[in-house]
Amino acid sequence: MKKRIHMLTLAGVLCAAFAQANTPLLVDPNDFSVDGDWIAGANQFQPVTEWVGFATLDVPDRVSIDGDAVTFMSWDDETSDKIESFLFQEFGAGPVGSPTANELFEAGDVIVFRGEASATRTGADTSNMIVRAFVKMLGFNELGWEFQTKPDHTQFHNIGPVNEPFELSVTFPDLSVDDSFQVLQVGFEITTEFDGSDMDSGTITFRNIEAFIEGEANGEPDVFYAGMLVDANGNVDTGDFLGVLHVAHAPWVYVFDLARWVYMPDPGEEFSGAWAFLMR
């Protein structure tokens, strides 16, 4: 005898199968408007080693969009000898009770930033230019200065002229051991210098970026279905096999092309087919 299964009950029983999914970090990653979550700014130096200030820039002035490609441009204030231009999103990462406390992160969380990018460099001598993607944690340093880069919890990826994939990751610290951390930043940097006649300039063009907390903060691996990584919403794209599936409650799977729930155990990584039970 076939029984009708209440899907809310099913969800409660099976939701543990998706407990270790990745947690997205970037907020509206394709919104580069004035009111978006991206921040543009620049450290100014004069001479090259003397920091004189931080300028907040309008994101739309520094970004252009062409299809799925986003280009971030360096900035020149026409007075500085060196400028570090940034485009980033920022997240509180301070200890409990601090102005930047954030319950989103736990000690041991792995924060990942990845995508594709290429760069241009223009100037008489661009050998000293820095063009890179980054995941940075900032906090107080030994002198008490705020929002200083914490090297042990920061990673960079130098971007070259050919579009190529990049992936960075850092591990969130134990704030009960070191409470000097303040914020986490994910984004891009272009550092240029005055070469004697003009300020160098450059761009970063990036695509398909994402940042997330990896789903293994508690020692659990990422979720896979049919050998394919499940996204943060519980979906996996099986291509020509069955299209997009919602597998957060597997083996009960929602097939969007059929608009119905199907009982279909994971067929494994090198599947050639699968059996399924379709509910009426």
C-alpha atoms as a PDB file:
ATOM      1  CA  MET A   1       0.000   0.000   0.000  1.00  0.00           C
ATOM      2  CA  LYS A   2       1.344   3.408  -0.979  1.00  0.00           C
ATOM      3  CA  LYS A   3       1.260   6.153   1.650  1.00  0.00           C
ATOM      4  CA  ARG A   4       1.040   9.873   1.125  1.00  0.00           C
ATOM      5  CA  ILE A   5       4.032  11.526   2.854  1.00  0.00           C
ATOM      6  CA  HIS A   6       3.590  14.929   4.468  1.00  0.00           C
ATOM      7  CA  MET A   7       6.418  17.041   3.029  1.00  0.00           C
ATOM      8  CA  LEU A   8       6.821  19.222   6.131  1.00  0.00           C
ATOM      9  CA  THR A   9       7.439  16.106   8.193  1.00  0.00           C
ATOM     10  CA  LEU A  10       9.850  14.860   5.566  1.00  0.00           C
ATOM     11  CA  ALA A  11      11.737  18.159   5.616  1.00  0.00           C
ATOM     12  CA  GLY A  12      12.144  17.988   9.369  1.00  0.00           C
ATOM     13  CA  VAL A  13      13.509  14.443   9.211  1.00  0.00           C
ATOM     14  CA  LEU A  14      15.909  15.019   6.331  1.00  0.00           C
ATOM     15  CA  CYS A  15      17.129  18.604   6.753  1.00  0.00           C
ATOM     16  CA  ALA A  16      20.246  17.359   8.581  1.00  0.00           C
ATOM     17  CA  ALA A  17      21.513  16.058   5.249  1.00  0.00           C
ATOM     18  CA  PHE A  18      22.078  19.673   4.182  1.00  0.00           C
ATOM     19  CA  ALA A  19      23.345  21.127   7.466  1.00  0.00           C
ATOM     20  CA  GLN A  20      26.881  21.561   6.170  1.00  0.00           C
ATOM     21  CA  ALA A  21      26.062  23.614   3.039  1.00  0.00           C
ATOM     22  CA  ASN A  22      28.207  26.622   2.193  1.00  0.00           C
ATOM     23  CA  THR A  23      27.033  29.979   3.577  1.00  0.00           C
ATOM     24  CA  PRO A  24      27.231  32.800   0.998  1.00  0.00           C
ATOM     25  CA  LEU A  25      28.994  36.000   2.089  1.00  0.00           C
ATOM     26  CA  LEU A  26      28.782  38.496  -0.781  1.00  0.00           C
ATOM     27  CA  VAL A  27      25.604  40.595  -0.651  1.00  0.00           C
ATOM     28  CA  ASP A  28      24.099  41.374  -4.090  1.00  0.00           C
ATOM     29  CA  PRO A  29      27.487  40.759  -5.759  1.00  0.00           C
ATOM     30  CA  ASN A  30      26.287  42.225  -9.082  1.00  0.00           C
ATOM     31  CA  ASP A  31      24.982  45.483  -7.586  1.00  0.00           C
ATOM     32  CA  PHE A  32      27.617  48.173  -8.069  1.00  0.00           C
ATOM     33  CA  SER A  33      25.277  51.102  -7.513  1.00  0.00           C
ATOM     34  CA  VAL A  34      25.824  53.890  -4.995  1.00  0.00           C
ATOM     35  CA  ASP A  35      23.498  52.107  -2.565  1.00  0.00           C
ATOM     36  CA  GLY A  36      25.019  48.654  -3.105  1.00  0.00           C
ATOM     37  CA  ASP A  37      27.160  46.738  -0.633  1.00  0.00           C
ATOM     38  CA  TRP A  38      30.440  47.200  -2.489  1.00  0.00           C
ATOM     39  CA  ILE A  39      32.878  49.778  -1.095  1.00  0.00           C
ATOM     40  CA  ALA A  40      35.500  51.651  -3.128  1.00  0.00           C
ATOM     41  CA  GLY A  41      38.342  53.527  -1.486  1.00  0.00           C
ATOM     42  CA  ALA A  42      42.016  54.342  -1.660  1.00  0.00           C
ATOM     43  CA  ASN A  43      45.008  54.694   0.639  1.00  0.00           C
ATOM     44  CA  GLN A  44      47.087  57.759  -0.309  1.00  0.00           C
ATOM     45  CA  PHE A  45      50.864  58.017   0.201  1.00  0.00           C
ATOM     46  CA  GLN A  46      53.202  61.000  -0.169  1.00  0.00           C
ATOM     47  CA  PRO A  47      56.040  60.192  -0.481  1.00  0.00           C
ATOM     48  CA  VAL A  48      55.684  56.515  -1.390  1.00  0.00           C
ATOM     49  CA  THR A  49      56.149  55.264   2.179  1.00  0.00           C
ATOM     50  CA  GLU A  50      54.174  57.959   4.060  1.00  0.00           C
ATOM     51  CA  TRP A  51      50.450  57.287   4.469  1.00  0.00           C
ATOM     52  CA  VAL A  52      48.459  60.531   4.421  1.00  0.00           C
ATOM     53  CA  GLY A  53      44.835  59.425   4.277  1.00  0.00           C
ATOM     54  CA  PHE A  54      42.048  57.188   3.010  1.00  0.00           C
ATOM     55  CA  ALA A  55      39.680  58.477   0.318  1.00  0.00           C
ATOM     56  CA  THR A  56      36.154  57.063  -0.064  1.00  0.00           C
ATOM     57  CA  LEU A  57      35.240  56.744  -3.751  1.00  0.00           C
ATOM     58  CA  ASP A  58      31.953  56.387  -5.622  1.00  0.00           C
ATOM     59  CA  VAL A  59      31.647  52.752  -6.721  1.00  0.00           C
ATOM     60  CA  PRO A  60      29.929  53.555 -10.084  1.00  0.00           C
ATOM     61  CA  ASP A  61      32.845  55.864 -10.976  1.00  0.00           C
ATOM     62  CA  ARG A  62      35.345  53.041 -10.546  1.00  0.00           C
ATOM     63  CA  VAL A  63      33.365  50.178 -12.106  1.00  0.00           C
ATOM     64  CA  SER A  64      32.123  49.416 -15.625  1.00  0.00           C
ATOM     65  CA  ILE A  65      30.013  46.401 -16.609  1.00  0.00           C
ATOM     66  CA  ASP A  66      29.938  44.545 -19.934  1.00  0.00           C
ATOM     67  CA  GLY A  67      27.733  41.468 -19.867  1.00  0.00           C
ATOM     68  CA  ASP A  68      29.055  39.184 -17.127  1.00  0.00           C
ATOM     69  CA  ALA A  69      32.390  41.037 -16.941  1.00  0.00           C
ATOM     70  CA  VAL A  70      32.989  43.731 -14.309  1.00  0.00           C
ATOM     71  CA  THR A  71      35.992  46.049 -14.628  1.00  0.00           C
ATOM     72  CA  PHE A  72      37.424  47.890 -11.632  1.00  0.00           C
ATOM     73  CA  MET A  73      39.670  50.892 -12.434  1.00  0.00           C
ATOM     74  CA  SER A  74      42.502  52.419 -10.408  1.00  0.00           C
ATOM     75  CA  TRP A  75      42.216  55.992  -9.128  1.00  0.00           C
ATOM     76  CA  ASP A  76      44.504  59.054  -9.307  1.00  0.00           C
ATOM     77  CA  ASP A  77      44.132  62.082  -7.022  1.00  0.00           C
ATOM     78  CA  GLU A  78      46.866  63.891  -9.000  1.00  0.00           C
ATOM     79  CA  THR A  79      48.888  64.626  -5.843  1.00  0.00           C
ATOM     80  CA  SER A  80      49.878  61.305  -4.242  1.00  0.00           C
ATOM     81  CA  ASP A  81      53.080  59.426  -5.052  1.00  0.00           C
ATOM     82  CA  LYS A  82      51.436  56.047  -4.411  1.00  0.00           C
ATOM     83  CA  ILE A  83      47.776  54.984  -4.264  1.00  0.00           C
ATOM     84  CA  GLU A  84      46.251  51.698  -3.139  1.00  0.00           C
ATOM     85  CA  SER A  85      42.810  51.490  -4.789  1.00  0.00           C
ATOM     86  CA  PHE A  86      40.321  48.990  -3.354  1.00  0.00           C
ATOM     87  CA  LEU A  87      36.947  47.494  -4.269  1.00  0.00           C
ATOM     88  CA  PHE A  88      35.575  45.231  -1.549  1.00  0.00           C
ATOM     89  CA  GLN A  89      32.746  44.062   0.660  1.00  0.00           C
ATOM     90  CA  GLU A  90      33.299  44.174   4.415  1.00  0.00           C
ATOM     91  CA  PHE A  91      31.939  42.045   7.256  1.00  0.00           C
ATOM     92  CA  GLY A  92      32.156  42.500  11.001  1.00  0.00           C
ATOM     93  CA  ALA A  93      34.592  40.045  12.570  1.00  0.00           C
ATOM     94  CA  GLY A  94      35.151  41.396  16.057  1.00  0.00           C
ATOM     95  CA  PRO A  95      34.698  39.703  19.441  1.00  0.00           C
ATOM     96  CA  VAL A  96      31.433  39.696  21.378  1.00  0.00           C
ATOM     97  CA  GLY A  97      30.702  43.140  22.783  1.00  0.00           C
ATOM     98  CA  SER A  98      32.737  45.013  20.166  1.00  0.00           C
ATOM     99  CA  PRO A  99      31.165  47.347  17.562  1.00  0.00           C
ATOM    100  CA  THR A 100      32.014  44.835  14.820  1.00  0.00           C
ATOM    101  CA  ALA A 101      30.820  41.653  16.556  1.00  0.00           C
ATOM    102  CA  ASN A 102      29.202  39.206  14.127  1.00  0.00           C
ATOM    103  CA  GLU A 103      27.541  35.894  14.985  1.00  0.00           C
ATOM    104  CA  LEU A 104      28.020  34.757  11.382  1.00  0.00           C
ATOM    105  CA  PHE A 105      31.588  33.550  11.993  1.00  0.00           C
ATOM    106  CA  GLU A 106      32.923  30.870  14.325  1.00  0.00           C
ATOM    107  CA  ALA A 107      36.491  29.883  15.128  1.00  0.00           C
ATOM    108  CA  GLY A 108      37.733  27.450  12.494  1.00  0.00           C
ATOM    109  CA  ASP A 109      35.375  28.628   9.745  1.00  0.00           C
ATOM    110  CA  VAL A 110      37.050  28.591   6.337  1.00  0.00           C
ATOM    111  CA  ILE A 111      36.236  31.699   4.280  1.00  0.00           C
ATOM    112  CA  VAL A 112      36.653  31.222   0.511  1.00  0.00           C
ATOM    113  CA  PHE A 113      36.783  33.830  -2.274  1.00  0.00           C
ATOM    114  CA  ARG A 114      36.981  32.636  -5.884  1.00  0.00           C
ATOM    115  CA  GLY A 115      36.204  33.561  -9.458  1.00  0.00           C
ATOM    116  CA  GLU A 116      37.995  34.548 -12.660  1.00  0.00           C
ATOM    117  CA  ALA A 117      40.037  37.700 -13.332  1.00  0.00           C
ATOM    118  CA  SER A 118      42.529  39.428 -15.612  1.00  0.00           C
ATOM    119  CA  ALA A 119      44.397  42.735 -15.321  1.00  0.00           C
ATOM    120  CA  THR A 120      45.877  45.576 -17.342  1.00  0.00           C
ATOM    121  CA  ARG A 121      48.902  47.665 -16.332  1.00  0.00           C
ATOM    122  CA  THR A 122      49.779  51.014 -17.936  1.00  0.00           C
ATOM    123  CA  GLY A 123      52.795  53.207 -17.227  1.00  0.00           C
ATOM    124  CA  ALA A 124      56.459  53.840 -17.998  1.00  0.00           C
ATOM    125  CA  ASP A 125      57.500  51.124 -15.540  1.00  0.00           C
ATOM    126  CA  THR A 126      54.757  48.898 -14.135  1.00  0.00           C
ATOM    127  CA  SER A 127      57.075  46.427 -12.393  1.00  0.00           C
ATOM    128  CA  ASN A 128      56.118  47.900  -9.010  1.00  0.00           C
ATOM    129  CA  MET A 129      52.357  47.760  -9.613  1.00  0.00           C
ATOM    130  CA  ILE A 130      50.281  45.418  -7.441  1.00  0.00           C
ATOM    131  CA  VAL A 131      47.076  44.018  -8.924  1.00  0.00           C
ATOM    132  CA  ARG A 132      45.425  41.287  -6.890  1.00  0.00           C
ATOM    133  CA  ALA A 133      42.392  39.689  -5.295  1.00  0.00           C
ATOM    134  CA  PHE A 134      42.314  39.315  -1.530  1.00  0.00           C
ATOM    135  CA  VAL A 135      40.672  37.961   1.588  1.00  0.00           C
ATOM    136  CA  LYS A 136      41.860  40.117   4.489  1.00  0.00           C
ATOM    137  CA  MET A 137      41.232  40.258   8.190  1.00  0.00           C
ATOM    138  CA  LEU A 138      41.941  43.622   9.789  1.00  0.00           C
ATOM    139  CA  GLY A 139      42.326  44.611  13.409  1.00  0.00           C
ATOM    140  CA  PHE A 140      44.522  46.305  15.977  1.00  0.00           C
ATOM    141  CA  ASN A 141      48.299  45.911  15.679  1.00  0.00           C
ATOM    142  CA  GLU A 142      51.032  45.972  18.307  1.00  0.00           C
ATOM    143  CA  LEU A 143      50.997  49.788  18.235  1.00  0.00           C
ATOM    144  CA  GLY A 144      47.273  49.902  18.872  1.00  0.00           C
ATOM    145  CA  TRP A 145      46.403  51.127  15.375  1.00  0.00           C
ATOM    146  CA  GLU A 146      42.987  50.128  14.077  1.00  0.00           C
ATOM    147  CA  PHE A 147      42.120  48.215  10.886  1.00  0.00           C
ATOM    148  CA  GLN A 148      45.621  46.923  10.161  1.00  0.00           C
ATOM    149  CA  THR A 149      46.076  43.849   7.962  1.00  0.00           C
ATOM    150  CA  LYS A 150      46.552  40.646   9.987  1.00  0.00           C
ATOM    151  CA  PRO A 151      49.090  38.700   7.866  1.00  0.00           C
ATOM    152  CA  ASP A 152      48.394  35.267   9.348  1.00  0.00           C
ATOM    153  CA  HIS A 153      44.722  35.564   8.373  1.00  0.00           C
ATOM    154  CA  THR A 154      45.106  37.224   4.964  1.00  0.00           C
ATOM    155  CA  GLN A 155      45.634  35.824   1.477  1.00  0.00           C
ATOM    156  CA  PHE A 156      46.347  37.470  -1.876  1.00  0.00           C
ATOM    157  CA  HIS A 157      46.263  36.281  -5.481  1.00  0.00           C
ATOM    158  CA  ASN A 158      48.258  38.270  -8.043  1.00  0.00           C
ATOM    159  CA  ILE A 159      46.238  38.839 -11.214  1.00  0.00           C
ATOM    160  CA  GLY A 160      47.930  38.645 -14.620  1.00  0.00           C
ATOM    161  CA  PRO A 161      46.955  39.785 -18.128  1.00  0.00           C
ATOM    162  CA  VAL A 162      45.154  36.541 -19.076  1.00  0.00           C
ATOM    163  CA  ASN A 163      41.759  35.705 -17.625  1.00  0.00           C
ATOM    164  CA  GLU A 164      42.212  32.806 -15.225  1.00  0.00           C
ATOM    165  CA  PRO A 165      40.499  31.319 -12.182  1.00  0.00           C
ATOM    166  CA  PHE A 166      41.572  32.193  -8.657  1.00  0.00           C
ATOM    167  CA  GLU A 167      40.668  30.854  -5.233  1.00  0.00           C
ATOM    168  CA  LEU A 168      41.679  32.168  -1.820  1.00  0.00           C
ATOM    169  CA  SER A 169      40.831  30.927   1.660  1.00  0.00           C
ATOM    170  CA  VAL A 170      41.519  31.951   5.250  1.00  0.00           C
ATOM    171  CA  THR A 171      40.588  30.352   8.559  1.00  0.00           C
ATOM    172  CA  PHE A 172      38.641  32.430  11.053  1.00  0.00           C
ATOM    173  CA  PRO A 173      40.591  32.862  14.318  1.00  0.00           C
ATOM    174  CA  ASP A 174      39.556  32.018  17.866  1.00  0.00           C
ATOM    175  CA  LEU A 175      38.569  35.445  19.215  1.00  0.00           C
ATOM    176  CA  SER A 176      38.697  34.174  22.779  1.00  0.00           C
ATOM    177  CA  VAL A 177      42.458  33.749  22.300  1.00  0.00           C
ATOM    178  CA  ASP A 178      43.069  36.943  20.269  1.00  0.00           C
ATOM    179  CA  ASP A 179      40.408  39.665  20.461  1.00  0.00           C
ATOM    180  CA  SER A 180      42.276  42.188  18.277  1.00  0.00           C
ATOM    181  CA  PHE A 181      40.330  41.382  15.096  1.00  0.00           C
ATOM    182  CA  GLN A 182      37.743  43.815  13.741  1.00  0.00           C
ATOM    183  CA  VAL A 183      36.583  43.152  10.160  1.00  0.00           C
ATOM    184  CA  LEU A 184      36.949  40.770   7.236  1.00  0.00           C
ATOM    185  CA  GLN A 185      37.225  42.134   3.683  1.00  0.00           C
ATOM    186  CA  VAL A 186      36.853  40.349   0.336  1.00  0.00           C
ATOM    187  CA  GLY A 187      37.740  42.110  -2.908  1.00  0.00           C
ATOM    188  CA  PHE A 188      40.384  43.559  -5.217  1.00  0.00           C
ATOM    189  CA  GLU A 189      43.351  45.941  -5.026  1.00  0.00           C
ATOM    190  CA  ILE A 190      45.314  47.984  -7.578  1.00  0.00           C
ATOM    191  CA  THR A 191      48.430  49.741  -6.251  1.00  0.00           C
ATOM    192  CA  THR A 192      49.983  52.350  -8.549  1.00  0.00           C
ATOM    193  CA  GLU A 193      52.895  54.782  -8.243  1.00  0.00           C
ATOM    194  CA  PHE A 194      53.994  58.052  -9.840  1.00  0.00           C
ATOM    195  CA  ASP A 195      56.720  57.101 -12.324  1.00  0.00           C
ATOM    196  CA  GLY A 196      58.256  60.552 -12.784  1.00  0.00           C
ATOM    197  CA  SER A 197      55.868  61.861 -15.412  1.00  0.00           C
ATOM    198  CA  ASP A 198      52.477  60.197 -14.822  1.00  0.00           C
ATOM    199  CA  MET A 199      50.729  58.034 -12.283  1.00  0.00           C
ATOM    200  CA  ASP A 200      50.567  54.400 -13.391  1.00  0.00           C
ATOM    201  CA  SER A 201      47.059  53.042 -13.992  1.00  0.00           C
ATOM    202  CA  GLY A 202      45.430  49.644 -14.181  1.00  0.00           C
ATOM    203  CA  THR A 203      42.220  47.635 -14.243  1.00  0.00           C
ATOM    204  CA  ILE A 204      40.914  44.320 -12.963  1.00  0.00           C
ATOM    205  CA  THR A 205      38.210  42.557 -14.963  1.00  0.00           C
ATOM    206  CA  PHE A 206      36.457  39.781 -13.062  1.00  0.00           C
ATOM    207  CA  ARG A 207      33.638  37.285 -13.588  1.00  0.00           C
ATOM    208  CA  ASN A 208      31.745  34.602 -11.694  1.00  0.00           C
ATOM    209  CA  ILE A 209      32.962  35.658  -8.265  1.00  0.00           C
ATOM    210  CA  GLU A 210      31.629  34.194  -5.044  1.00  0.00           C
ATOM    211  CA  ALA A 211      32.623  34.296  -1.408  1.00  0.00           C
ATOM    212  CA  PHE A 212      31.296  31.951   1.250  1.00  0.00           C
ATOM    213  CA  ILE A 213      31.915  30.199   4.533  1.00  0.00           C
ATOM    214  CA  GLU A 214      32.872  26.677   3.599  1.00  0.00           C
ATOM    215  CA  GLY A 215      30.491  24.038   4.895  1.00  0.00           C
ATOM    216  CA  GLU A 216      33.043  22.236   7.036  1.00  0.00           C
ATOM    217  CA  ALA A 217      33.352  24.497  10.060  1.00  0.00           C
ATOM    218  CA  ASN A 218      32.250  21.541  12.202  1.00  0.00           C
ATOM    219  CA  GLY A 219      34.440  19.022  10.399  1.00  0.00           C
ATOM    220  CA  GLU A 220      31.752  18.172   7.851  1.00  0.00           C
ATOM    221  CA  PRO A 221      32.531  18.036   4.100  1.00  0.00           C
ATOM    222  CA  ASP A 222      30.726  19.986   1.381  1.00  0.00           C
ATOM    223  CA  VAL A 223      27.503  18.428   0.123  1.00  0.00           C
ATOM    224  CA  PHE A 224      27.598  16.580  -3.193  1.00  0.00           C
ATOM    225  CA  TYR A 225      24.816  14.920  -5.170  1.00  0.00           C
ATOM    226  CA  ALA A 226      25.614  12.705  -8.166  1.00  0.00           C
ATOM    227  CA  GLY A 227      29.209  13.886  -7.776  1.00  0.00           C
ATOM    228  CA  MET A 228      28.238  17.557  -8.212  1.00  0.00           C
ATOM    229  CA  LEU A 229      28.577  20.277  -5.571  1.00  0.00           C
ATOM    230  CA  VAL A 230      25.284  21.418  -4.064  1.00  0.00           C
ATOM    231  CA  ASP A 231      24.920  25.204  -3.905  1.00  0.00           C
ATOM    232  CA  ALA A 232      23.979  27.245  -0.848  1.00  0.00           C
ATOM    233  CA  ASN A 233      20.266  26.998  -1.709  1.00  0.00           C
ATOM    234  CA  GLY A 234      20.292  23.216  -1.853  1.00  0.00           C
ATOM    235  CA  ASN A 235      20.220  23.033  -5.650  1.00  0.00           C
ATOM    236  CA  VAL A 236      22.390  21.117  -8.092  1.00  0.00           C
ATOM    237  CA  ASP A 237      22.385  21.445 -11.896  1.00  0.00           C
ATOM    238  CA  THR A 238      22.568  17.959 -13.446  1.00  0.00           C
ATOM    239  CA  GLY A 239      22.541  19.347 -16.998  1.00  0.00           C
ATOM    240  CA  ASP A 240      20.837  17.112 -19.576  1.00  0.00           C
ATOM    241  CA  PHE A 241      20.196  14.388 -16.988  1.00  0.00           C
ATOM    242  CA  LEU A 242      17.317  15.996 -15.057  1.00  0.00           C
ATOM    243  CA  GLY A 243      18.093  19.716 -15.119  1.00  0.00           C
ATOM    244  CA  VAL A 244      18.136  21.549 -11.785  1.00  0.00           C
ATOM    245  CA  LEU A 245      17.249  19.525  -8.680  1.00  0.00           C
ATOM    246  CA  HIS A 246      16.547  20.695  -5.146  1.00  0.00           C
ATOM    247  CA  VAL A 247      18.333  18.087  -3.029  1.00  0.00           C
ATOM    248  CA  ALA A 248      18.352  19.626   0.459  1.00  0.00           C
ATOM    249  CA  HIS A 249      16.028  16.822   1.580  1.00  0.00           C
ATOM    250  CA  ALA A 250      17.557  13.963  -0.416  1.00  0.00           C
ATOM    251  CA  PRO A 251      16.714  11.213  -1.160  1.00  0.00           C
ATOM    252  CA  TRP A 252      13.461  13.145  -1.650  1.00  0.00           C
ATOM    253  CA  VAL A 253      14.377  15.476  -4.517  1.00  0.00           C
ATOM    254  CA  TYR A 254      12.362  18.231  -6.161  1.00  0.00           C
ATOM    255  CA  VAL A 255      12.704  18.139  -9.967  1.00  0.00           C
ATOM    256  CA  PHE A 256      11.986  21.625 -11.298  1.00  0.00           C
ATOM    257  CA  ASP A 257      11.415  20.405 -14.879  1.00  0.00           C
ATOM    258  CA  LEU A 258       8.716  18.024 -13.596  1.00  0.00           C
ATOM    259  CA  ALA A 259       7.437  20.403 -10.885  1.00  0.00           C
ATOM    260  CA  ARG A 260       7.172  17.508  -8.431  1.00  0.00           C
ATOM    261  CA  TRP A 261       8.947  15.634  -5.640  1.00  0.00           C
ATOM    262  CA  VAL A 262      10.721  12.394  -6.536  1.00  0.00           C
ATOM    263  CA  TYR A 263      12.264   9.736  -4.307  1.00  0.00           C
ATOM    264  CA  MET A 264      15.697   9.277  -5.875  1.00  0.00           C
ATOM    265  CA  PRO A 265      18.744   8.092  -3.888  1.00  0.00           C
ATOM    266  CA  ASP A 266      22.063   9.638  -4.897  1.00  0.00           C
ATOM    267  CA  PRO A 267      23.242   7.662  -7.975  1.00  0.00           C
ATOM    268  CA  GLY A 268      26.923   8.393  -7.200  1.00  0.00           C
ATOM    269  CA  GLU A 269      29.665  10.311  -8.963  1.00  0.00           C
ATOM    270  CA  GLU A 270      29.969   8.267 -12.190  1.00  0.00           C
ATOM    271  CA  PHE A 271      26.305   7.495 -12.684  1.00  0.00           C
ATOM    272  CA  SER A 272      24.853   6.344 -16.008  1.00  0.00           C
ATOM    273  CA  GLY A 273      21.270   6.460 -14.802  1.00  0.00           C
ATOM    274  CA  ALA A 274      19.143   6.404 -11.665  1.00  0.00           C
ATOM    275  CA  TRP A 275      15.945   4.858 -10.362  1.00  0.00           C
ATOM    276  CA  ALA A 276      13.219   7.013  -8.896  1.00  0.00           C
ATOM    277  CA  PHE A 277       9.797   6.789  -7.272  1.00  0.00           C
ATOM    278  CA  LEU A 278       7.376   9.527  -8.356  1.00  0.00           C
ATOM    279  CA  MET A 279       4.662  10.641  -5.936  1.00  0.00           C
ATOM    280  CA  ARG A 280       1.134  11.009  -7.205  1.00  0.00           C
END
